PDB file of all heavy atoms in Angstrom:
ATOM      1  N   SER A   1      44.743  87.701 104.475  1.00  0.00           N
ATOM      2  CA  SER A   1      46.172  87.658 104.725  1.00  0.00           C
ATOM      3  C   SER A   1      46.934  88.322 103.590  1.00  0.00           C
ATOM      4  O   SER A   1      47.906  89.036 103.801  1.00  0.00           O
ATOM      5  CB  SER A   1      46.636  86.204 104.895  1.00  0.00           C
ATOM      6  OG  SER A   1      45.985  85.601 105.983  1.00  0.00           O
ATOM      7  N   LYS A   2      46.487  88.099 102.359  1.00  0.00           N
ATOM      8  CA  LYS A   2      47.176  88.674 101.206  1.00  0.00           C
ATOM      9  C   LYS A   2      47.107  90.187 101.260  1.00  0.00           C
ATOM     10  O   LYS A   2      48.081  90.881 101.003  1.00  0.00           O
ATOM     11  CB  LYS A   2      46.551  88.161  99.910  1.00  0.00           C
ATOM     12  CG  LYS A   2      47.311  88.602  98.664  1.00  0.00           C
ATOM     13  CD  LYS A   2      46.731  87.968  97.430  1.00  0.00           C
ATOM     14  CE  LYS A   2      47.525  88.393  96.183  1.00  0.00           C
ATOM     15  NZ  LYS A   2      46.981  87.792  94.965  1.00  0.00           N
ATOM     16  N   LYS A   3      45.951  90.734 101.610  1.00  0.00           N
ATOM     17  CA  LYS A   3      45.819  92.172 101.701  1.00  0.00           C
ATOM     18  C   LYS A   3      46.709  92.731 102.801  1.00  0.00           C
ATOM     19  O   LYS A   3      47.271  93.805 102.661  1.00  0.00           O
ATOM     20  CB  LYS A   3      44.362  92.555 101.968  1.00  0.00           C
ATOM     21  CG  LYS A   3      43.429  92.299 100.790  1.00  0.00           C
ATOM     22  CD  LYS A   3      42.016  92.694 101.149  1.00  0.00           C
ATOM     23  CE  LYS A   3      41.063  92.429  99.979  1.00  0.00           C
ATOM     24  NZ  LYS A   3      39.672  92.765 100.328  1.00  0.00           N
ATOM     25  N   SER A   4      46.839  92.021 103.901  1.00  0.00           N
ATOM     26  CA  SER A   4      47.572  92.533 105.045  1.00  0.00           C
ATOM     27  C   SER A   4      49.072  92.563 104.809  1.00  0.00           C
ATOM     28  O   SER A   4      49.787  93.233 105.532  1.00  0.00           O
ATOM     29  CB  SER A   4      47.272  91.685 106.286  1.00  0.00           C
ATOM     30  OG  SER A   4      47.805  90.383 106.135  1.00  0.00           O
ATOM     31  N   VAL A   5      49.565  91.860 103.804  1.00  0.00           N
ATOM     32  CA  VAL A   5      51.005  91.843 103.569  1.00  0.00           C
ATOM     33  C   VAL A   5      51.374  92.593 102.291  1.00  0.00           C
ATOM     34  O   VAL A   5      52.462  92.463 101.782  1.00  0.00           O
ATOM     35  CB  VAL A   5      51.544  90.401 103.477  1.00  0.00           C
ATOM     36  CG1 VAL A   5      51.321  89.675 104.773  1.00  0.00           C
ATOM     37  CG2 VAL A   5      50.912  89.638 102.320  1.00  0.00           C
ATOM     38  N   THR A   6      50.435  93.390 101.767  1.00  0.00           N
ATOM     39  CA  THR A   6      50.720  94.126 100.545  1.00  0.00           C
ATOM     40  C   THR A   6      50.790  95.622 100.833  1.00  0.00           C
ATOM     41  O   THR A   6      49.858  96.187 101.378  1.00  0.00           O
ATOM     42  CB  THR A   6      49.635  93.864  99.484  1.00  0.00           C
ATOM     43  OG1 THR A   6      49.563  92.460  99.255  1.00  0.00           O
ATOM     44  CG2 THR A   6      49.963  94.564  98.184  1.00  0.00           C
ATOM     45  N   ALA A   7      51.902  96.231 100.492  1.00  0.00           N
ATOM     46  CA  ALA A   7      52.042  97.681 100.642  1.00  0.00           C
ATOM     47  C   ALA A   7      52.226  98.274  99.259  1.00  0.00           C
ATOM     48  O   ALA A   7      53.133  97.904  98.535  1.00  0.00           O
ATOM     49  CB  ALA A   7      53.243  98.010 101.518  1.00  0.00           C
ATOM     50  N   THR A   8      51.357  99.188  98.868  1.00  0.00           N
ATOM     51  CA  THR A   8      51.403  99.768  97.529  1.00  0.00           C
ATOM     52  C   THR A   8      51.670 101.261  97.605  1.00  0.00           C
ATOM     53  O   THR A   8      51.159 101.946  98.484  1.00  0.00           O
ATOM     54  CB  THR A   8      50.069  99.518  96.798  1.00  0.00           C
ATOM     55  OG1 THR A   8      49.778  98.130  96.832  1.00  0.00           O
ATOM     56  CG2 THR A   8      50.149  99.980  95.354  1.00  0.00           C
ATOM     57  N   ALA A   9      52.472 101.756  96.687  1.00  0.00           N
ATOM     58  CA  ALA A   9      52.763 103.186  96.654  1.00  0.00           C
ATOM     59  C   ALA A   9      51.495 103.963  96.351  1.00  0.00           C
ATOM     60  O   ALA A   9      50.742 103.622  95.448  1.00  0.00           O
ATOM     61  CB  ALA A   9      53.803 103.464  95.583  1.00  0.00           C
ATOM     62  N   THR A  10      51.231 105.030  97.126  1.00  0.00           N
ATOM     63  CA  THR A  10      50.036 105.836  96.912  1.00  0.00           C
ATOM     64  C   THR A  10      50.372 107.284  96.577  1.00  0.00           C
ATOM     65  O   THR A  10      49.491 108.062  96.242  1.00  0.00           O
ATOM     66  CB  THR A  10      49.146 105.809  98.168  1.00  0.00           C
ATOM     67  OG1 THR A  10      49.919 106.266  99.288  1.00  0.00           O
ATOM     68  CG2 THR A  10      48.643 104.416  98.458  1.00  0.00           C
ATOM     69  N   ALA A  11      51.649 107.663  96.699  1.00  0.00           N
ATOM     70  CA  ALA A  11      52.030 109.043  96.403  1.00  0.00           C
ATOM     71  C   ALA A  11      52.019 109.293  94.901  1.00  0.00           C
ATOM     72  O   ALA A  11      51.969 108.368  94.100  1.00  0.00           O
ATOM     73  CB  ALA A  11      53.419 109.314  96.974  1.00  0.00           C
ATOM     74  N   GLY A  12      52.094 110.580  94.518  1.00  0.00           N
ATOM     75  CA  GLY A  12      52.128 110.923  93.103  1.00  0.00           C
ATOM     76  C   GLY A  12      53.377 110.374  92.446  1.00  0.00           C
ATOM     77  O   GLY A  12      54.427 110.271  93.074  1.00  0.00           O
ATOM     78  N   ARG A  13      53.290 110.013  91.148  1.00  0.00           N
ATOM     79  CA  ARG A  13      54.422 109.394  90.465  1.00  0.00           C
ATOM     80  C   ARG A  13      54.925 110.256  89.336  1.00  0.00           C
ATOM     81  O   ARG A  13      54.212 111.088  88.802  1.00  0.00           O
ATOM     82  CB  ARG A  13      54.003 108.018  89.918  1.00  0.00           C
ATOM     83  CG  ARG A  13      53.684 107.013  91.000  1.00  0.00           C
ATOM     84  CD  ARG A  13      53.190 105.708  90.380  1.00  0.00           C
ATOM     85  NE  ARG A  13      51.837 105.870  89.868  1.00  0.00           N
ATOM     86  CZ  ARG A  13      51.432 105.429  88.685  1.00  0.00           C
ATOM     87  NH1 ARG A  13      52.263 104.827  87.886  1.00  0.00           N
ATOM     88  NH2 ARG A  13      50.189 105.585  88.297  1.00  0.00           N
ATOM     89  N   TYR A  14      56.170 110.026  88.960  1.00  0.00           N
ATOM     90  CA  TYR A  14      56.708 110.693  87.782  1.00  0.00           C
ATOM     91  C   TYR A  14      55.999 110.158  86.547  1.00  0.00           C
ATOM     92  O   TYR A  14      55.645 108.984  86.487  1.00  0.00           O
ATOM     93  CB  TYR A  14      58.211 110.408  87.652  1.00  0.00           C
ATOM     94  CG  TYR A  14      59.089 111.239  88.553  1.00  0.00           C
ATOM     95  CD1 TYR A  14      59.403 110.816  89.839  1.00  0.00           C
ATOM     96  CD2 TYR A  14      59.601 112.444  88.107  1.00  0.00           C
ATOM     97  CE1 TYR A  14      60.210 111.580  90.658  1.00  0.00           C
ATOM     98  CE2 TYR A  14      60.421 113.208  88.925  1.00  0.00           C
ATOM     99  CZ  TYR A  14      60.717 112.774  90.199  1.00  0.00           C
ATOM    100  OH  TYR A  14      61.515 113.527  91.005  1.00  0.00           O
ATOM    101  N   PRO A  15      55.800 110.970  85.538  1.00  0.00           N
ATOM    102  CA  PRO A  15      55.183 110.481  84.287  1.00  0.00           C
ATOM    103  C   PRO A  15      56.011 109.357  83.678  1.00  0.00           C
ATOM    104  O   PRO A  15      57.228 109.475  83.538  1.00  0.00           O
ATOM    105  CB  PRO A  15      55.198 111.729  83.392  1.00  0.00           C
ATOM    106  CG  PRO A  15      55.237 112.878  84.337  1.00  0.00           C
ATOM    107  CD  PRO A  15      56.049 112.409  85.509  1.00  0.00           C
ATOM    108  N   GLY A  16      55.353 108.258  83.381  1.00  0.00           N
ATOM    109  CA  GLY A  16      56.054 107.143  82.753  1.00  0.00           C
ATOM    110  C   GLY A  16      56.683 106.168  83.718  1.00  0.00           C
ATOM    111  O   GLY A  16      57.143 105.101  83.320  1.00  0.00           O
ATOM    112  N   VAL A  17      56.710 106.495  85.004  1.00  0.00           N
ATOM    113  CA  VAL A  17      57.275 105.578  85.992  1.00  0.00           C
ATOM    114  C   VAL A  17      56.183 104.623  86.444  1.00  0.00           C
ATOM    115  O   VAL A  17      55.132 105.060  86.925  1.00  0.00           O
ATOM    116  CB  VAL A  17      57.841 106.334  87.207  1.00  0.00           C
ATOM    117  CG1 VAL A  17      58.343 105.358  88.253  1.00  0.00           C
ATOM    118  CG2 VAL A  17      58.970 107.266  86.776  1.00  0.00           C
ATOM    119  N   PRO A  18      56.362 103.332  86.275  1.00  0.00           N
ATOM    120  CA  PRO A  18      55.302 102.379  86.617  1.00  0.00           C
ATOM    121  C   PRO A  18      55.040 102.320  88.117  1.00  0.00           C
ATOM    122  O   PRO A  18      55.912 102.598  88.924  1.00  0.00           O
ATOM    123  CB  PRO A  18      55.864 101.035  86.109  1.00  0.00           C
ATOM    124  CG  PRO A  18      57.346 101.220  86.140  1.00  0.00           C
ATOM    125  CD  PRO A  18      57.579 102.654  85.781  1.00  0.00           C
ATOM    126  N   LYS A  19      53.808 101.990  88.445  1.00  0.00           N
ATOM    127  CA  LYS A  19      53.427 101.806  89.835  1.00  0.00           C
ATOM    128  C   LYS A  19      54.216 100.648  90.415  1.00  0.00           C
ATOM    129  O   LYS A  19      54.389  99.616  89.781  1.00  0.00           O
ATOM    130  CB  LYS A  19      51.926 101.515  89.916  1.00  0.00           C
ATOM    131  CG  LYS A  19      51.371 101.362  91.314  1.00  0.00           C
ATOM    132  CD  LYS A  19      49.877 101.119  91.229  1.00  0.00           C
ATOM    133  CE  LYS A  19      49.260 100.983  92.612  1.00  0.00           C
ATOM    134  NZ  LYS A  19      47.804 100.723  92.527  1.00  0.00           N
ATOM    135  N   GLN A  20      54.720 100.819  91.627  1.00  0.00           N
ATOM    136  CA  GLN A  20      55.531  99.775  92.252  1.00  0.00           C
ATOM    137  C   GLN A  20      54.806  99.205  93.459  1.00  0.00           C
ATOM    138  O   GLN A  20      54.208  99.926  94.247  1.00  0.00           O
ATOM    139  CB  GLN A  20      56.897 100.326  92.663  1.00  0.00           C
ATOM    140  CG  GLN A  20      57.763 100.706  91.469  1.00  0.00           C
ATOM    141  CD  GLN A  20      59.141 101.195  91.893  1.00  0.00           C
ATOM    142  OE1 GLN A  20      59.268 102.121  92.660  1.00  0.00           O
ATOM    143  NE2 GLN A  20      60.165 100.546  91.370  1.00  0.00           N
ATOM    144  N   GLU A  21      54.861  97.918  93.572  1.00  0.00           N
ATOM    145  CA  GLU A  21      54.170  97.204  94.648  1.00  0.00           C
ATOM    146  C   GLU A  21      55.128  96.219  95.296  1.00  0.00           C
ATOM    147  O   GLU A  21      55.944  95.602  94.617  1.00  0.00           O
ATOM    148  CB  GLU A  21      52.954  96.476  94.091  1.00  0.00           C
ATOM    149  CG  GLU A  21      52.098  95.806  95.153  1.00  0.00           C
ATOM    150  CD  GLU A  21      50.871  95.157  94.542  1.00  0.00           C
ATOM    151  OE1 GLU A  21      51.005  93.986  94.133  1.00  0.00           O
ATOM    152  OE2 GLU A  21      49.818  95.799  94.461  1.00  0.00           O
ATOM    153  N   VAL A  22      55.036  96.099  96.601  1.00  0.00           N
ATOM    154  CA  VAL A  22      55.907  95.189  97.334  1.00  0.00           C
ATOM    155  C   VAL A  22      55.056  94.297  98.223  1.00  0.00           C
ATOM    156  O   VAL A  22      54.169  94.772  98.930  1.00  0.00           O
ATOM    157  CB  VAL A  22      56.922  95.964  98.207  1.00  0.00           C
ATOM    158  CG1 VAL A  22      57.674  95.014  99.124  1.00  0.00           C
ATOM    159  CG2 VAL A  22      57.912  96.716  97.324  1.00  0.00           C
ATOM    160  N   ILE A  23      55.308  93.005  98.152  1.00  0.00           N
ATOM    161  CA  ILE A  23      54.645  92.047  99.040  1.00  0.00           C
ATOM    162  C   ILE A  23      55.527  91.873 100.269  1.00  0.00           C
ATOM    163  O   ILE A  23      56.654  91.399 100.177  1.00  0.00           O
ATOM    164  CB  ILE A  23      54.430  90.689  98.353  1.00  0.00           C
ATOM    165  CG1 ILE A  23      53.660  90.883  97.040  1.00  0.00           C
ATOM    166  CG2 ILE A  23      53.680  89.736  99.277  1.00  0.00           C
ATOM    167  CD1 ILE A  23      52.290  91.465  97.209  1.00  0.00           C
ATOM    168  N   LEU A  24      55.022  92.286 101.411  1.00  0.00           N
ATOM    169  CA  LEU A  24      55.811  92.186 102.626  1.00  0.00           C
ATOM    170  C   LEU A  24      55.928  90.729 103.071  1.00  0.00           C
ATOM    171  O   LEU A  24      54.965  89.982 103.038  1.00  0.00           O
ATOM    172  CB  LEU A  24      55.165  93.003 103.750  1.00  0.00           C
ATOM    173  CG  LEU A  24      54.965  94.495 103.480  1.00  0.00           C
ATOM    174  CD1 LEU A  24      54.436  95.168 104.723  1.00  0.00           C
ATOM    175  CD2 LEU A  24      56.257  95.146 103.044  1.00  0.00           C
ATOM    176  N   GLU A  25      57.112  90.364 103.496  1.00  0.00           N
ATOM    177  CA  GLU A  25      57.326  89.014 103.996  1.00  0.00           C
ATOM    178  C   GLU A  25      56.575  88.845 105.314  1.00  0.00           C
ATOM    179  O   GLU A  25      56.529  89.771 106.131  1.00  0.00           O
ATOM    180  CB  GLU A  25      58.822  88.764 104.201  1.00  0.00           C
ATOM    181  CG  GLU A  25      59.632  88.852 102.916  1.00  0.00           C
ATOM    182  CD  GLU A  25      61.134  88.782 103.171  1.00  0.00           C
ATOM    183  OE1 GLU A  25      61.511  88.625 104.344  1.00  0.00           O
ATOM    184  OE2 GLU A  25      61.901  88.892 102.214  1.00  0.00           O
ATOM    185  N   PRO A  26      55.966  87.677 105.542  1.00  0.00           N
ATOM    186  CA  PRO A  26      55.198  87.461 106.780  1.00  0.00           C
ATOM    187  C   PRO A  26      56.029  87.667 108.046  1.00  0.00           C
ATOM    188  O   PRO A  26      55.484  87.988 109.092  1.00  0.00           O
ATOM    189  CB  PRO A  26      54.747  85.995 106.648  1.00  0.00           C
ATOM    190  CG  PRO A  26      54.766  85.722 105.192  1.00  0.00           C
ATOM    191  CD  PRO A  26      55.903  86.527 104.630  1.00  0.00           C
ATOM    192  N   SER A  27      57.351  87.489 107.937  1.00  0.00           N
ATOM    193  CA  SER A  27      58.205  87.616 109.116  1.00  0.00           C
ATOM    194  C   SER A  27      58.401  89.078 109.536  1.00  0.00           C
ATOM    195  O   SER A  27      58.890  89.350 110.633  1.00  0.00           O
ATOM    196  CB  SER A  27      59.571  86.981 108.855  1.00  0.00           C
ATOM    197  OG  SER A  27      60.202  87.596 107.741  1.00  0.00           O
ATOM    198  N   ILE A  28      58.036  90.039 108.653  1.00  0.00           N
ATOM    199  CA  ILE A  28      58.188  91.452 108.981  1.00  0.00           C
ATOM    200  C   ILE A  28      57.010  91.875 109.855  1.00  0.00           C
ATOM    201  O   ILE A  28      55.875  91.926 109.396  1.00  0.00           O
ATOM    202  CB  ILE A  28      58.239  92.317 107.707  1.00  0.00           C
ATOM    203  CG1 ILE A  28      59.389  91.864 106.799  1.00  0.00           C
ATOM    204  CG2 ILE A  28      58.410  93.785 108.077  1.00  0.00           C
ATOM    205  CD1 ILE A  28      59.436  92.594 105.474  1.00  0.00           C
ATOM    206  N   LYS A  29      57.292  92.180 111.101  1.00  0.00           N
ATOM    207  CA  LYS A  29      56.218  92.481 112.046  1.00  0.00           C
ATOM    208  C   LYS A  29      56.558  93.716 112.864  1.00  0.00           C
ATOM    209  O   LYS A  29      57.677  94.224 112.836  1.00  0.00           O
ATOM    210  CB  LYS A  29      55.969  91.280 112.974  1.00  0.00           C
ATOM    211  CG  LYS A  29      55.538  90.019 112.254  1.00  0.00           C
ATOM    212  CD  LYS A  29      55.353  88.862 113.233  1.00  0.00           C
ATOM    213  CE  LYS A  29      54.932  87.598 112.507  1.00  0.00           C
ATOM    214  NZ  LYS A  29      54.767  86.451 113.433  1.00  0.00           N
ATOM    215  N   GLY A  30      55.577  94.189 113.600  1.00  0.00           N
ATOM    216  CA  GLY A  30      55.784  95.264 114.561  1.00  0.00           C
ATOM    217  C   GLY A  30      56.334  96.543 113.951  1.00  0.00           C
ATOM    218  O   GLY A  30      55.875  97.029 112.920  1.00  0.00           O
ATOM    219  N   GLU A  31      57.361  97.088 114.599  1.00  0.00           N
ATOM    220  CA  GLU A  31      57.945  98.367 114.194  1.00  0.00           C
ATOM    221  C   GLU A  31      58.522  98.306 112.784  1.00  0.00           C
ATOM    222  O   GLU A  31      58.390  99.250 111.999  1.00  0.00           O
ATOM    223  CB  GLU A  31      59.036  98.763 115.190  1.00  0.00           C
ATOM    224  CG  GLU A  31      59.640 100.134 114.929  1.00  0.00           C
ATOM    225  CD  GLU A  31      60.665 100.525 115.980  1.00  0.00           C
ATOM    226  OE1 GLU A  31      60.929  99.696 116.889  1.00  0.00           O
ATOM    227  OE2 GLU A  31      61.208 101.640 115.900  1.00  0.00           O
ATOM    228  N   ARG A  32      59.152  97.193 112.442  1.00  0.00           N
ATOM    229  CA  ARG A  32      59.745  97.063 111.111  1.00  0.00           C
ATOM    230  C   ARG A  32      58.667  97.076 110.028  1.00  0.00           C
ATOM    231  O   ARG A  32      58.856  97.640 108.952  1.00  0.00           O
ATOM    232  CB  ARG A  32      60.595  95.799 111.035  1.00  0.00           C
ATOM    233  CG  ARG A  32      61.826  95.862 111.928  1.00  0.00           C
ATOM    234  CD  ARG A  32      62.735  94.662 111.763  1.00  0.00           C
ATOM    235  NE  ARG A  32      63.900  94.783 112.606  1.00  0.00           N
ATOM    236  CZ  ARG A  32      64.998  95.476 112.291  1.00  0.00           C
ATOM    237  NH1 ARG A  32      65.050  96.090 111.126  1.00  0.00           N
ATOM    238  NH2 ARG A  32      66.013  95.564 113.115  1.00  0.00           N
ATOM    239  N   ARG A  33      57.569  96.463 110.309  1.00  0.00           N
ATOM    240  CA  ARG A  33      56.464  96.469 109.349  1.00  0.00           C
ATOM    241  C   ARG A  33      55.923  97.888 109.166  1.00  0.00           C
ATOM    242  O   ARG A  33      55.618  98.322 108.045  1.00  0.00           O
ATOM    243  CB  ARG A  33      55.359  95.528 109.830  1.00  0.00           C
ATOM    244  CG  ARG A  33      54.270  95.281 108.801  1.00  0.00           C
ATOM    245  CD  ARG A  33      53.193  94.358 109.378  1.00  0.00           C
ATOM    246  NE  ARG A  33      52.287  93.935 108.336  1.00  0.00           N
ATOM    247  CZ  ARG A  33      52.484  92.887 107.544  1.00  0.00           C
ATOM    248  NH1 ARG A  33      53.585  92.168 107.678  1.00  0.00           N
ATOM    249  NH2 ARG A  33      51.619  92.556 106.622  1.00  0.00           N
ATOM    250  N   ASP A  34      55.803  98.632 110.264  1.00  0.00           N
ATOM    251  CA  ASP A  34      55.328 100.010 110.201  1.00  0.00           C
ATOM    252  C   ASP A  34      56.263 100.871 109.345  1.00  0.00           C
ATOM    253  O   ASP A  34      55.807 101.729 108.581  1.00  0.00           O
ATOM    254  CB  ASP A  34      55.228 100.602 111.610  1.00  0.00           C
ATOM    255  CG  ASP A  34      54.163  99.922 112.459  1.00  0.00           C
ATOM    256  OD1 ASP A  34      53.256  99.288 111.881  1.00  0.00           O
ATOM    257  OD2 ASP A  34      54.246 100.017 113.696  1.00  0.00           O
ATOM    258  N   LEU A  35      57.569 100.654 109.493  1.00  0.00           N
ATOM    259  CA  LEU A  35      58.553 101.417 108.731  1.00  0.00           C
ATOM    260  C   LEU A  35      58.408 101.166 107.228  1.00  0.00           C
ATOM    261  O   LEU A  35      58.409 102.103 106.419  1.00  0.00           O
ATOM    262  CB  LEU A  35      59.965 101.058 109.191  1.00  0.00           C
ATOM    263  CG  LEU A  35      60.373 101.573 110.571  1.00  0.00           C
ATOM    264  CD1 LEU A  35      61.633 100.859 111.058  1.00  0.00           C
ATOM    265  CD2 LEU A  35      60.600 103.081 110.534  1.00  0.00           C
ATOM    266  N   VAL A  36      58.270  99.891 106.848  1.00  0.00           N
ATOM    267  CA  VAL A  36      58.151  99.549 105.423  1.00  0.00           C
ATOM    268  C   VAL A  36      56.854 100.098 104.852  1.00  0.00           C
ATOM    269  O   VAL A  36      56.829 100.668 103.747  1.00  0.00           O
ATOM    270  CB  VAL A  36      58.242  98.022 105.215  1.00  0.00           C
ATOM    271  CG1 VAL A  36      57.988  97.668 103.757  1.00  0.00           C
ATOM    272  CG2 VAL A  36      59.615  97.507 105.638  1.00  0.00           C
ATOM    273  N   GLN A  37      55.766  99.953 105.581  1.00  0.00           N
ATOM    274  CA  GLN A  37      54.483 100.449 105.089  1.00  0.00           C
ATOM    275  C   GLN A  37      54.503 101.969 104.934  1.00  0.00           C
ATOM    276  O   GLN A  37      53.924 102.512 103.994  1.00  0.00           O
ATOM    277  CB  GLN A  37      53.358 100.010 106.032  1.00  0.00           C
ATOM    278  CG  GLN A  37      53.079  98.517 105.959  1.00  0.00           C
ATOM    279  CD  GLN A  37      51.997  98.073 106.923  1.00  0.00           C
ATOM    280  OE1 GLN A  37      51.863  98.633 108.006  1.00  0.00           O
ATOM    281  NE2 GLN A  37      51.238  97.072 106.551  1.00  0.00           N
ATOM    282  N   GLU A  38      55.186 102.654 105.834  1.00  0.00           N
ATOM    283  CA  GLU A  38      55.268 104.114 105.748  1.00  0.00           C
ATOM    284  C   GLU A  38      56.095 104.548 104.547  1.00  0.00           C
ATOM    285  O   GLU A  38      55.672 105.422 103.772  1.00  0.00           O
ATOM    286  CB  GLU A  38      55.881 104.681 107.041  1.00  0.00           C
ATOM    287  CG  GLU A  38      56.217 106.169 106.997  1.00  0.00           C
ATOM    288  CD  GLU A  38      55.010 107.075 106.800  1.00  0.00           C
ATOM    289  OE1 GLU A  38      53.891 106.663 107.179  1.00  0.00           O
ATOM    290  OE2 GLU A  38      55.181 108.188 106.265  1.00  0.00           O
TER     291      GLU A  38
END
């Protein structure tokens, strides 16, 4: 479940900009979840 609600940035980053991670709320489902993950 923890893995399924975690979306992590995978694109290239600016030098010095920390990796950003967001834990998706369980209530975010369907199309809205797809939008956030994208």
